[in-house]
Amino acid sequence: MNTTVAPIGNQPVNRLHSSTMKIDSTATTLSQRVAICFAAGVLGALALLLVTHVLSWFGPAPKGPIHFPVSFEAPGVYRPLFWGGLWGIPFGLLIKTVWNRRYLFGFLYFLVPLAATFLFFLPNGGAGYFGLKVAEPMFPLYVMLVNLPFGITIALVARAIIGKHP
């Protein structure tokens, strides 16, 4: 390693030759991972919407404060897609640390927005915890079933875009 004297003071400065520096050009920055996972969250929300329509073929959804299936018509479709993107941001912040277990993390990640819905948004909307003040008893289980593909879709899409290493 070459050391030279700094122009100000007597502290040595480490200088590396450019040929010895290894730069991983495929590595993603934090902002890139967040942007990728925002887009992946939008696609995860789209998967959620598709699941609501597929499940509606097998029978009506339980009555509750969230009406299923969600319409694909504008402007109603934009809200869940935007929220899906927002919920993709924390996934993007964490994906580098959980990269080796990204699919397990994605599978369990659906619990984060679900917990926010059940414990914050529904009670603040007057529906009570888990929406049980105004919903049928099967409503929370149905919402969990509908939300299952969200996290795994985020993990799959993020892996497809990011590649082998974050």
N, C-alpha and C. Protein backbone atom coordinates (compact mmCIF):
# COMPACT_ATOMS: atom_id res chain seq x y z
N MET A 1 0.84 -1.16 0.00
CA MET A 1 0.00 0.00 0.00
C MET A 1 0.90 1.23 0.00
N ASN A 2 0.58 2.18 -0.86
CA ASN A 2 1.35 3.42 -0.90
C ASN A 2 0.87 4.35 0.18
N THR A 3 1.79 4.95 0.91
CA THR A 3 1.43 6.00 1.86
C THR A 3 2.23 7.23 1.50
N THR A 4 1.57 8.35 1.53
CA THR A 4 2.23 9.62 1.26
C THR A 4 1.91 10.56 2.40
N VAL A 5 2.66 11.63 2.48
CA VAL A 5 2.42 12.62 3.53
C VAL A 5 1.32 13.55 3.06
N ALA A 6 0.37 13.80 3.94
CA ALA A 6 -0.74 14.68 3.61
C ALA A 6 -0.23 16.11 3.44
N PRO A 7 -0.86 16.89 2.57
CA PRO A 7 -0.40 18.25 2.37
C PRO A 7 -0.55 19.12 3.63
N ILE A 8 -1.49 18.81 4.51
CA ILE A 8 -1.67 19.57 5.74
C ILE A 8 -1.38 18.63 6.89
N GLY A 9 -0.40 18.90 7.69
CA GLY A 9 -0.07 18.04 8.82
C GLY A 9 0.84 16.91 8.39
N ASN A 10 1.11 16.02 9.31
CA ASN A 10 2.02 14.91 9.03
C ASN A 10 1.33 13.56 9.05
N GLN A 11 0.02 13.52 8.87
CA GLN A 11 -0.72 12.27 8.88
C GLN A 11 -0.57 11.58 7.53
N PRO A 12 -0.26 10.27 7.53
CA PRO A 12 -0.17 9.55 6.24
C PRO A 12 -1.55 9.37 5.62
N VAL A 13 -1.60 9.43 4.34
CA VAL A 13 -2.83 9.23 3.58
C VAL A 13 -2.69 7.92 2.82
N ASN A 14 -3.68 7.07 2.91
CA ASN A 14 -3.65 5.80 2.19
C ASN A 14 -4.17 6.03 0.78
N ARG A 15 -3.38 5.63 -0.16
CA ARG A 15 -3.80 5.75 -1.56
C ARG A 15 -3.75 4.35 -2.16
N LEU A 16 -4.85 3.93 -2.75
CA LEU A 16 -4.90 2.62 -3.40
C LEU A 16 -4.87 2.81 -4.90
N HIS A 17 -4.19 1.92 -5.55
CA HIS A 17 -4.22 1.95 -7.01
C HIS A 17 -5.60 1.50 -7.47
N SER A 18 -6.08 2.08 -8.52
CA SER A 18 -7.42 1.75 -9.00
C SER A 18 -7.51 0.28 -9.42
N SER A 19 -6.39 -0.33 -9.79
CA SER A 19 -6.44 -1.72 -10.20
C SER A 19 -6.68 -2.67 -9.03
N THR A 20 -6.40 -2.22 -7.80
CA THR A 20 -6.60 -3.09 -6.65
C THR A 20 -7.99 -2.94 -6.03
N MET A 21 -8.74 -1.95 -6.44
CA MET A 21 -10.07 -1.73 -5.87
C MET A 21 -11.08 -2.59 -6.61
N LYS A 22 -11.90 -3.29 -5.85
CA LYS A 22 -12.95 -4.12 -6.43
C LYS A 22 -14.28 -3.39 -6.21
N ILE A 23 -14.96 -3.13 -7.28
CA ILE A 23 -16.26 -2.48 -7.20
C ILE A 23 -17.29 -3.43 -7.77
N ASP A 24 -18.32 -3.71 -6.99
CA ASP A 24 -19.40 -4.58 -7.45
C ASP A 24 -20.42 -3.73 -8.17
N SER A 25 -20.40 -3.76 -9.48
CA SER A 25 -21.29 -2.90 -10.25
C SER A 25 -22.74 -3.38 -10.22
N THR A 26 -22.97 -4.59 -9.73
CA THR A 26 -24.34 -5.09 -9.68
C THR A 26 -25.01 -4.80 -8.34
N ALA A 27 -24.28 -4.31 -7.35
CA ALA A 27 -24.86 -4.01 -6.04
C ALA A 27 -25.83 -2.85 -6.16
N THR A 28 -26.90 -2.91 -5.39
CA THR A 28 -27.90 -1.86 -5.43
C THR A 28 -27.74 -0.96 -4.21
N THR A 29 -28.07 0.30 -4.39
CA THR A 29 -28.05 1.23 -3.28
C THR A 29 -29.35 1.11 -2.50
N LEU A 30 -29.39 1.73 -1.35
CA LEU A 30 -30.60 1.71 -0.54
C LEU A 30 -31.77 2.33 -1.28
N SER A 31 -31.54 3.46 -1.92
CA SER A 31 -32.63 4.12 -2.64
C SER A 31 -33.14 3.26 -3.81
N GLN A 32 -32.24 2.53 -4.46
CA GLN A 32 -32.67 1.64 -5.53
C GLN A 32 -33.51 0.50 -4.99
N ARG A 33 -33.07 -0.08 -3.86
CA ARG A 33 -33.85 -1.17 -3.26
C ARG A 33 -35.23 -0.69 -2.81
N VAL A 34 -35.30 0.52 -2.25
CA VAL A 34 -36.59 1.06 -1.82
C VAL A 34 -37.50 1.30 -3.03
N ALA A 35 -36.94 1.86 -4.11
CA ALA A 35 -37.75 2.10 -5.31
C ALA A 35 -38.22 0.78 -5.93
N ILE A 36 -37.33 -0.20 -5.97
CA ILE A 36 -37.69 -1.51 -6.51
C ILE A 36 -38.80 -2.13 -5.67
N CYS A 37 -38.67 -2.05 -4.36
CA CYS A 37 -39.67 -2.66 -3.49
C CYS A 37 -40.97 -1.88 -3.46
N PHE A 38 -40.93 -0.58 -3.75
CA PHE A 38 -42.18 0.17 -3.92
C PHE A 38 -42.94 -0.41 -5.11
N ALA A 39 -42.23 -0.58 -6.23
CA ALA A 39 -42.87 -1.17 -7.42
C ALA A 39 -43.31 -2.60 -7.14
N ALA A 40 -42.50 -3.36 -6.41
CA ALA A 40 -42.87 -4.73 -6.06
C ALA A 40 -44.10 -4.73 -5.16
N GLY A 41 -44.22 -3.74 -4.27
CA GLY A 41 -45.41 -3.63 -3.42
C GLY A 41 -46.66 -3.34 -4.23
N VAL A 42 -46.52 -2.53 -5.27
CA VAL A 42 -47.67 -2.27 -6.15
C VAL A 42 -48.10 -3.58 -6.83
N LEU A 43 -47.13 -4.36 -7.28
CA LEU A 43 -47.47 -5.64 -7.91
C LEU A 43 -48.02 -6.63 -6.88
N GLY A 44 -47.52 -6.56 -5.64
CA GLY A 44 -48.07 -7.40 -4.57
C GLY A 44 -49.52 -7.04 -4.30
N ALA A 45 -49.84 -5.76 -4.32
CA ALA A 45 -51.23 -5.32 -4.13
C ALA A 45 -52.09 -5.77 -5.31
N LEU A 46 -51.53 -5.76 -6.50
CA LEU A 46 -52.27 -6.24 -7.66
C LEU A 46 -52.56 -7.73 -7.51
N ALA A 47 -51.60 -8.49 -7.00
CA ALA A 47 -51.83 -9.91 -6.73
C ALA A 47 -52.94 -10.09 -5.71
N LEU A 48 -52.95 -9.25 -4.68
CA LEU A 48 -54.00 -9.28 -3.67
C LEU A 48 -55.37 -9.03 -4.32
N LEU A 49 -55.45 -8.04 -5.20
CA LEU A 49 -56.72 -7.74 -5.87
C LEU A 49 -57.17 -8.91 -6.73
N LEU A 50 -56.22 -9.55 -7.40
CA LEU A 50 -56.57 -10.71 -8.23
C LEU A 50 -57.09 -11.86 -7.37
N VAL A 51 -56.48 -12.07 -6.21
CA VAL A 51 -56.93 -13.13 -5.31
C VAL A 51 -58.36 -12.86 -4.84
N THR A 52 -58.69 -11.59 -4.56
CA THR A 52 -60.07 -11.29 -4.14
C THR A 52 -61.07 -11.66 -5.23
N HIS A 53 -60.69 -11.44 -6.47
CA HIS A 53 -61.60 -11.79 -7.57
C HIS A 53 -61.69 -13.29 -7.77
N VAL A 54 -60.57 -13.98 -7.64
CA VAL A 54 -60.59 -15.44 -7.77
C VAL A 54 -61.44 -16.04 -6.64
N LEU A 55 -61.26 -15.58 -5.42
CA LEU A 55 -62.05 -16.11 -4.31
C LEU A 55 -63.54 -15.77 -4.45
N SER A 56 -63.84 -14.68 -5.12
CA SER A 56 -65.26 -14.33 -5.30
C SER A 56 -65.96 -15.32 -6.23
N TRP A 57 -65.22 -16.05 -7.06
CA TRP A 57 -65.82 -17.07 -7.91
C TRP A 57 -66.35 -18.23 -7.09
N PHE A 58 -65.76 -18.46 -5.91
CA PHE A 58 -66.16 -19.59 -5.08
C PHE A 58 -67.26 -19.26 -4.10
N GLY A 59 -67.64 -18.02 -4.04
CA GLY A 59 -68.73 -17.63 -3.14
C GLY A 59 -68.52 -16.22 -2.63
N PRO A 60 -69.54 -15.70 -1.99
CA PRO A 60 -69.42 -14.32 -1.51
C PRO A 60 -68.46 -14.21 -0.33
N ALA A 61 -67.83 -13.07 -0.23
CA ALA A 61 -66.92 -12.79 0.89
C ALA A 61 -67.73 -12.47 2.14
N PRO A 62 -67.16 -12.69 3.32
CA PRO A 62 -67.86 -12.32 4.54
C PRO A 62 -68.12 -10.82 4.59
N LYS A 63 -69.22 -10.44 5.17
CA LYS A 63 -69.56 -9.02 5.29
C LYS A 63 -68.62 -8.36 6.28
N GLY A 64 -68.17 -7.17 5.94
CA GLY A 64 -67.28 -6.45 6.82
C GLY A 64 -67.02 -5.05 6.31
N PRO A 65 -66.16 -4.31 7.01
CA PRO A 65 -65.88 -2.92 6.62
C PRO A 65 -65.07 -2.79 5.33
N ILE A 66 -64.40 -3.85 4.92
CA ILE A 66 -63.68 -3.86 3.65
C ILE A 66 -64.51 -4.71 2.69
N HIS A 67 -64.87 -4.12 1.57
CA HIS A 67 -65.74 -4.82 0.63
C HIS A 67 -64.90 -5.57 -0.40
N PHE A 68 -65.21 -6.86 -0.55
CA PHE A 68 -64.51 -7.72 -1.50
C PHE A 68 -65.48 -8.20 -2.54
N PRO A 69 -65.09 -8.43 -3.77
CA PRO A 69 -63.79 -8.10 -4.35
C PRO A 69 -63.67 -6.61 -4.63
N VAL A 70 -62.45 -6.13 -4.60
CA VAL A 70 -62.19 -4.72 -4.87
C VAL A 70 -62.32 -4.49 -6.37
N SER A 71 -62.98 -3.41 -6.73
CA SER A 71 -63.21 -3.11 -8.13
C SER A 71 -61.91 -2.76 -8.84
N PHE A 72 -61.81 -3.17 -10.09
CA PHE A 72 -60.65 -2.82 -10.90
C PHE A 72 -60.85 -1.50 -11.65
N GLU A 73 -61.95 -0.83 -11.39
CA GLU A 73 -62.23 0.42 -12.08
C GLU A 73 -61.61 1.59 -11.33
N ALA A 74 -61.22 2.60 -12.11
CA ALA A 74 -60.68 3.82 -11.51
C ALA A 74 -61.82 4.57 -10.84
N PRO A 75 -61.63 5.27 -9.79
CA PRO A 75 -60.41 5.50 -9.03
C PRO A 75 -60.21 4.50 -7.90
N GLY A 76 -61.14 3.55 -7.72
CA GLY A 76 -61.08 2.64 -6.58
C GLY A 76 -59.87 1.72 -6.56
N VAL A 77 -59.32 1.42 -7.70
CA VAL A 77 -58.19 0.49 -7.76
C VAL A 77 -56.88 1.15 -7.34
N TYR A 78 -56.81 2.47 -7.43
CA TYR A 78 -55.55 3.16 -7.15
C TYR A 78 -55.17 3.14 -5.68
N ARG A 79 -56.13 3.23 -4.79
CA ARG A 79 -55.83 3.27 -3.36
C ARG A 79 -55.09 2.02 -2.89
N PRO A 80 -55.59 0.80 -3.16
CA PRO A 80 -54.83 -0.37 -2.70
C PRO A 80 -53.47 -0.51 -3.38
N LEU A 81 -53.37 -0.09 -4.62
CA LEU A 81 -52.07 -0.19 -5.30
C LEU A 81 -51.06 0.78 -4.68
N PHE A 82 -51.50 1.99 -4.37
CA PHE A 82 -50.62 2.96 -3.74
C PHE A 82 -50.19 2.49 -2.35
N TRP A 83 -51.15 1.99 -1.56
CA TRP A 83 -50.81 1.49 -0.23
C TRP A 83 -49.88 0.28 -0.31
N GLY A 84 -50.07 -0.55 -1.31
CA GLY A 84 -49.15 -1.67 -1.52
C GLY A 84 -47.74 -1.18 -1.77
N GLY A 85 -47.61 -0.13 -2.57
CA GLY A 85 -46.29 0.46 -2.80
C GLY A 85 -45.69 1.03 -1.53
N LEU A 86 -46.51 1.71 -0.75
CA LEU A 86 -46.01 2.26 0.52
C LEU A 86 -45.54 1.16 1.46
N TRP A 87 -46.29 0.06 1.51
CA TRP A 87 -45.87 -1.06 2.38
C TRP A 87 -44.67 -1.79 1.80
N GLY A 88 -44.36 -1.56 0.54
CA GLY A 88 -43.14 -2.13 -0.04
C GLY A 88 -41.89 -1.40 0.40
N ILE A 89 -42.02 -0.14 0.82
CA ILE A 89 -40.85 0.65 1.23
C ILE A 89 -40.13 0.04 2.43
N PRO A 90 -40.83 -0.30 3.54
CA PRO A 90 -40.10 -0.93 4.64
C PRO A 90 -39.45 -2.25 4.23
N PHE A 91 -40.09 -2.97 3.33
CA PHE A 91 -39.49 -4.20 2.82
C PHE A 91 -38.17 -3.89 2.13
N GLY A 92 -38.15 -2.80 1.35
CA GLY A 92 -36.92 -2.39 0.67
C GLY A 92 -35.83 -1.97 1.62
N LEU A 93 -36.23 -1.38 2.76
CA LEU A 93 -35.24 -0.98 3.76
C LEU A 93 -34.59 -2.20 4.43
N LEU A 94 -35.33 -3.29 4.50
CA LEU A 94 -34.85 -4.47 5.23
C LEU A 94 -34.32 -5.59 4.33
N ILE A 95 -34.54 -5.50 3.04
CA ILE A 95 -34.28 -6.65 2.18
C ILE A 95 -32.81 -7.06 2.14
N LYS A 96 -31.89 -6.12 2.26
CA LYS A 96 -30.47 -6.50 2.20
C LYS A 96 -30.09 -7.36 3.40
N THR A 97 -30.63 -7.04 4.57
CA THR A 97 -30.27 -7.82 5.77
C THR A 97 -30.95 -9.19 5.78
N VAL A 98 -32.07 -9.33 5.11
CA VAL A 98 -32.79 -10.61 5.12
C VAL A 98 -32.69 -11.32 3.77
N TRP A 99 -31.72 -10.94 2.95
CA TRP A 99 -31.64 -11.45 1.58
C TRP A 99 -31.59 -12.97 1.52
N ASN A 100 -30.84 -13.60 2.41
CA ASN A 100 -30.72 -15.06 2.39
C ASN A 100 -32.02 -15.75 2.74
N ARG A 101 -32.90 -15.08 3.43
CA ARG A 101 -34.21 -15.63 3.81
C ARG A 101 -35.34 -14.77 3.26
N ARG A 102 -35.16 -14.20 2.08
CA ARG A 102 -36.11 -13.23 1.54
C ARG A 102 -37.49 -13.83 1.31
N TYR A 103 -37.58 -15.08 0.94
CA TYR A 103 -38.90 -15.66 0.68
C TYR A 103 -39.65 -15.93 1.98
N LEU A 104 -38.95 -16.40 2.99
CA LEU A 104 -39.57 -16.57 4.30
C LEU A 104 -39.99 -15.21 4.86
N PHE A 105 -39.10 -14.23 4.75
CA PHE A 105 -39.41 -12.88 5.21
C PHE A 105 -40.61 -12.32 4.43
N GLY A 106 -40.63 -12.54 3.12
CA GLY A 106 -41.76 -12.07 2.32
C GLY A 106 -43.05 -12.75 2.71
N PHE A 107 -42.97 -14.05 2.97
CA PHE A 107 -44.17 -14.78 3.37
C PHE A 107 -44.72 -14.23 4.69
N LEU A 108 -43.83 -13.92 5.64
CA LEU A 108 -44.27 -13.40 6.93
C LEU A 108 -44.56 -11.90 6.89
N TYR A 109 -44.04 -11.20 5.88
CA TYR A 109 -44.20 -9.74 5.81
C TYR A 109 -45.64 -9.31 5.63
N PHE A 110 -46.49 -10.17 5.09
CA PHE A 110 -47.88 -9.78 4.92
C PHE A 110 -48.53 -9.46 6.27
N LEU A 111 -47.95 -9.96 7.37
CA LEU A 111 -48.50 -9.70 8.69
C LEU A 111 -48.35 -8.24 9.11
N VAL A 112 -47.38 -7.53 8.57
CA VAL A 112 -47.15 -6.13 8.96
C VAL A 112 -48.31 -5.24 8.52
N PRO A 113 -48.65 -5.17 7.23
CA PRO A 113 -49.80 -4.34 6.86
C PRO A 113 -51.12 -4.90 7.42
N LEU A 114 -51.18 -6.20 7.59
CA LEU A 114 -52.39 -6.80 8.15
C LEU A 114 -52.59 -6.36 9.60
N ALA A 115 -51.50 -6.36 10.38
CA ALA A 115 -51.59 -5.89 11.77
C ALA A 115 -51.98 -4.43 11.83
N ALA A 116 -51.43 -3.62 10.93
CA ALA A 116 -51.80 -2.20 10.90
C ALA A 116 -53.28 -2.04 10.56
N THR A 117 -53.78 -2.85 9.65
CA THR A 117 -55.20 -2.78 9.29
C THR A 117 -56.08 -3.19 10.46
N PHE A 118 -55.76 -4.33 11.07
CA PHE A 118 -56.59 -4.86 12.15
C PHE A 118 -56.50 -4.05 13.44
N LEU A 119 -55.32 -3.52 13.74
CA LEU A 119 -55.11 -2.90 15.04
C LEU A 119 -55.09 -1.37 15.01
N PHE A 120 -55.05 -0.77 13.82
CA PHE A 120 -55.03 0.68 13.74
C PHE A 120 -56.13 1.23 12.84
N PHE A 121 -56.12 0.85 11.56
CA PHE A 121 -57.03 1.46 10.61
C PHE A 121 -58.49 1.10 10.86
N LEU A 122 -58.79 -0.17 11.06
CA LEU A 122 -60.18 -0.56 11.33
C LEU A 122 -60.71 0.02 12.63
N PRO A 123 -59.97 -0.05 13.75
CA PRO A 123 -60.49 0.58 14.98
C PRO A 123 -60.68 2.09 14.84
N ASN A 124 -59.77 2.76 14.15
CA ASN A 124 -59.93 4.20 13.95
C ASN A 124 -61.11 4.53 13.04
N GLY A 125 -61.49 3.60 12.21
CA GLY A 125 -62.66 3.79 11.34
C GLY A 125 -63.96 3.40 12.01
N GLY A 126 -63.89 2.98 13.28
CA GLY A 126 -65.10 2.63 14.02
C GLY A 126 -65.52 1.18 13.91
N ALA A 127 -64.70 0.35 13.27
CA ALA A 127 -65.07 -1.05 13.09
C ALA A 127 -64.57 -1.94 14.22
N GLY A 128 -63.80 -1.40 15.14
CA GLY A 128 -63.27 -2.19 16.24
C GLY A 128 -62.06 -2.99 15.81
N TYR A 129 -61.40 -3.58 16.81
CA TYR A 129 -60.24 -4.41 16.50
C TYR A 129 -60.64 -5.58 15.62
N PHE A 130 -59.83 -5.83 14.61
CA PHE A 130 -60.07 -6.90 13.63
C PHE A 130 -61.37 -6.69 12.85
N GLY A 131 -61.99 -5.53 12.99
CA GLY A 131 -63.24 -5.22 12.28
C GLY A 131 -64.44 -5.97 12.79
N LEU A 132 -64.36 -6.55 13.98
CA LEU A 132 -65.42 -7.43 14.47
C LEU A 132 -66.67 -6.71 14.97
N LYS A 133 -66.61 -5.39 15.15
CA LYS A 133 -67.82 -4.66 15.56
C LYS A 133 -68.87 -4.68 14.46
N VAL A 134 -68.42 -4.67 13.24
CA VAL A 134 -69.36 -4.57 12.11
C VAL A 134 -69.22 -5.73 11.13
N ALA A 135 -68.39 -6.72 11.44
CA ALA A 135 -68.12 -7.79 10.49
C ALA A 135 -68.58 -9.13 11.00
N GLU A 136 -68.66 -10.07 10.08
CA GLU A 136 -68.93 -11.45 10.44
C GLU A 136 -67.67 -12.05 11.07
N PRO A 137 -67.80 -13.11 11.86
CA PRO A 137 -66.62 -13.70 12.53
C PRO A 137 -65.55 -14.22 11.57
N MET A 138 -65.92 -14.60 10.36
CA MET A 138 -64.93 -15.12 9.40
C MET A 138 -64.16 -14.00 8.70
N PHE A 139 -64.56 -12.77 8.89
CA PHE A 139 -63.93 -11.65 8.19
C PHE A 139 -62.42 -11.58 8.40
N PRO A 140 -61.89 -11.63 9.65
CA PRO A 140 -60.42 -11.56 9.81
C PRO A 140 -59.68 -12.70 9.11
N LEU A 141 -60.23 -13.90 9.14
CA LEU A 141 -59.58 -15.02 8.46
C LEU A 141 -59.58 -14.84 6.94
N TYR A 142 -60.68 -14.31 6.43
CA TYR A 142 -60.76 -14.06 4.99
C TYR A 142 -59.74 -12.99 4.57
N VAL A 143 -59.63 -11.95 5.37
CA VAL A 143 -58.67 -10.88 5.05
C VAL A 143 -57.24 -11.43 5.10
N MET A 144 -56.96 -12.31 6.06
CA MET A 144 -55.63 -12.93 6.11
C MET A 144 -55.37 -13.76 4.86
N LEU A 145 -56.35 -14.55 4.44
CA LEU A 145 -56.21 -15.38 3.24
C LEU A 145 -55.97 -14.52 2.00
N VAL A 146 -56.70 -13.43 1.90
CA VAL A 146 -56.57 -12.55 0.75
C VAL A 146 -55.19 -11.89 0.72
N ASN A 147 -54.66 -11.56 1.88
CA ASN A 147 -53.39 -10.84 1.96
C ASN A 147 -52.16 -11.74 1.87
N LEU A 148 -52.31 -13.04 1.94
CA LEU A 148 -51.16 -13.95 1.90
C LEU A 148 -50.23 -13.73 0.70
N PRO A 149 -50.74 -13.54 -0.51
CA PRO A 149 -49.81 -13.41 -1.64
C PRO A 149 -49.03 -12.10 -1.66
N PHE A 150 -49.41 -11.13 -0.84
CA PHE A 150 -48.77 -9.81 -0.89
C PHE A 150 -47.26 -9.88 -0.64
N GLY A 151 -46.88 -10.43 0.49
CA GLY A 151 -45.45 -10.44 0.85
C GLY A 151 -44.60 -11.32 -0.04
N ILE A 152 -45.11 -12.48 -0.40
CA ILE A 152 -44.31 -13.37 -1.24
C ILE A 152 -44.16 -12.79 -2.65
N THR A 153 -45.18 -12.06 -3.11
CA THR A 153 -45.07 -11.41 -4.42
C THR A 153 -44.00 -10.33 -4.37
N ILE A 154 -43.95 -9.57 -3.28
CA ILE A 154 -42.90 -8.55 -3.15
C ILE A 154 -41.53 -9.22 -3.21
N ALA A 155 -41.35 -10.32 -2.50
CA ALA A 155 -40.06 -11.00 -2.48
C ALA A 155 -39.70 -11.53 -3.87
N LEU A 156 -40.65 -12.11 -4.56
CA LEU A 156 -40.39 -12.65 -5.89
C LEU A 156 -40.04 -11.56 -6.89
N VAL A 157 -40.80 -10.47 -6.87
CA VAL A 157 -40.55 -9.38 -7.81
C VAL A 157 -39.21 -8.70 -7.49
N ALA A 158 -38.94 -8.48 -6.20
CA ALA A 158 -37.67 -7.85 -5.83
C ALA A 158 -36.49 -8.72 -6.27
N ARG A 159 -36.59 -10.02 -6.10
CA ARG A 159 -35.53 -10.93 -6.52
C ARG A 159 -35.36 -10.89 -8.03
N ALA A 160 -36.47 -10.84 -8.75
CA ALA A 160 -36.40 -10.80 -10.21
C ALA A 160 -35.74 -9.53 -10.70
N ILE A 161 -35.97 -8.40 -10.05
CA ILE A 161 -35.41 -7.13 -10.50
C ILE A 161 -33.98 -6.94 -9.99
N ILE A 162 -33.75 -7.25 -8.72
CA ILE A 162 -32.44 -6.99 -8.10
C ILE A 162 -31.39 -7.98 -8.61
N GLY A 163 -31.76 -9.22 -8.77
CA GLY A 163 -30.79 -10.22 -9.20
C GLY A 163 -30.34 -11.08 -8.04
N LYS A 164 -29.12 -11.61 -8.14
CA LYS A 164 -28.64 -12.56 -7.13
C LYS A 164 -28.19 -11.90 -5.83
N HIS A 165 -27.70 -10.68 -5.90
CA HIS A 165 -27.17 -10.01 -4.72
C HIS A 165 -27.73 -8.59 -4.63
N PRO A 166 -28.20 -8.19 -3.44
CA PRO A 166 -28.77 -6.83 -3.32
C PRO A 166 -27.71 -5.75 -3.35
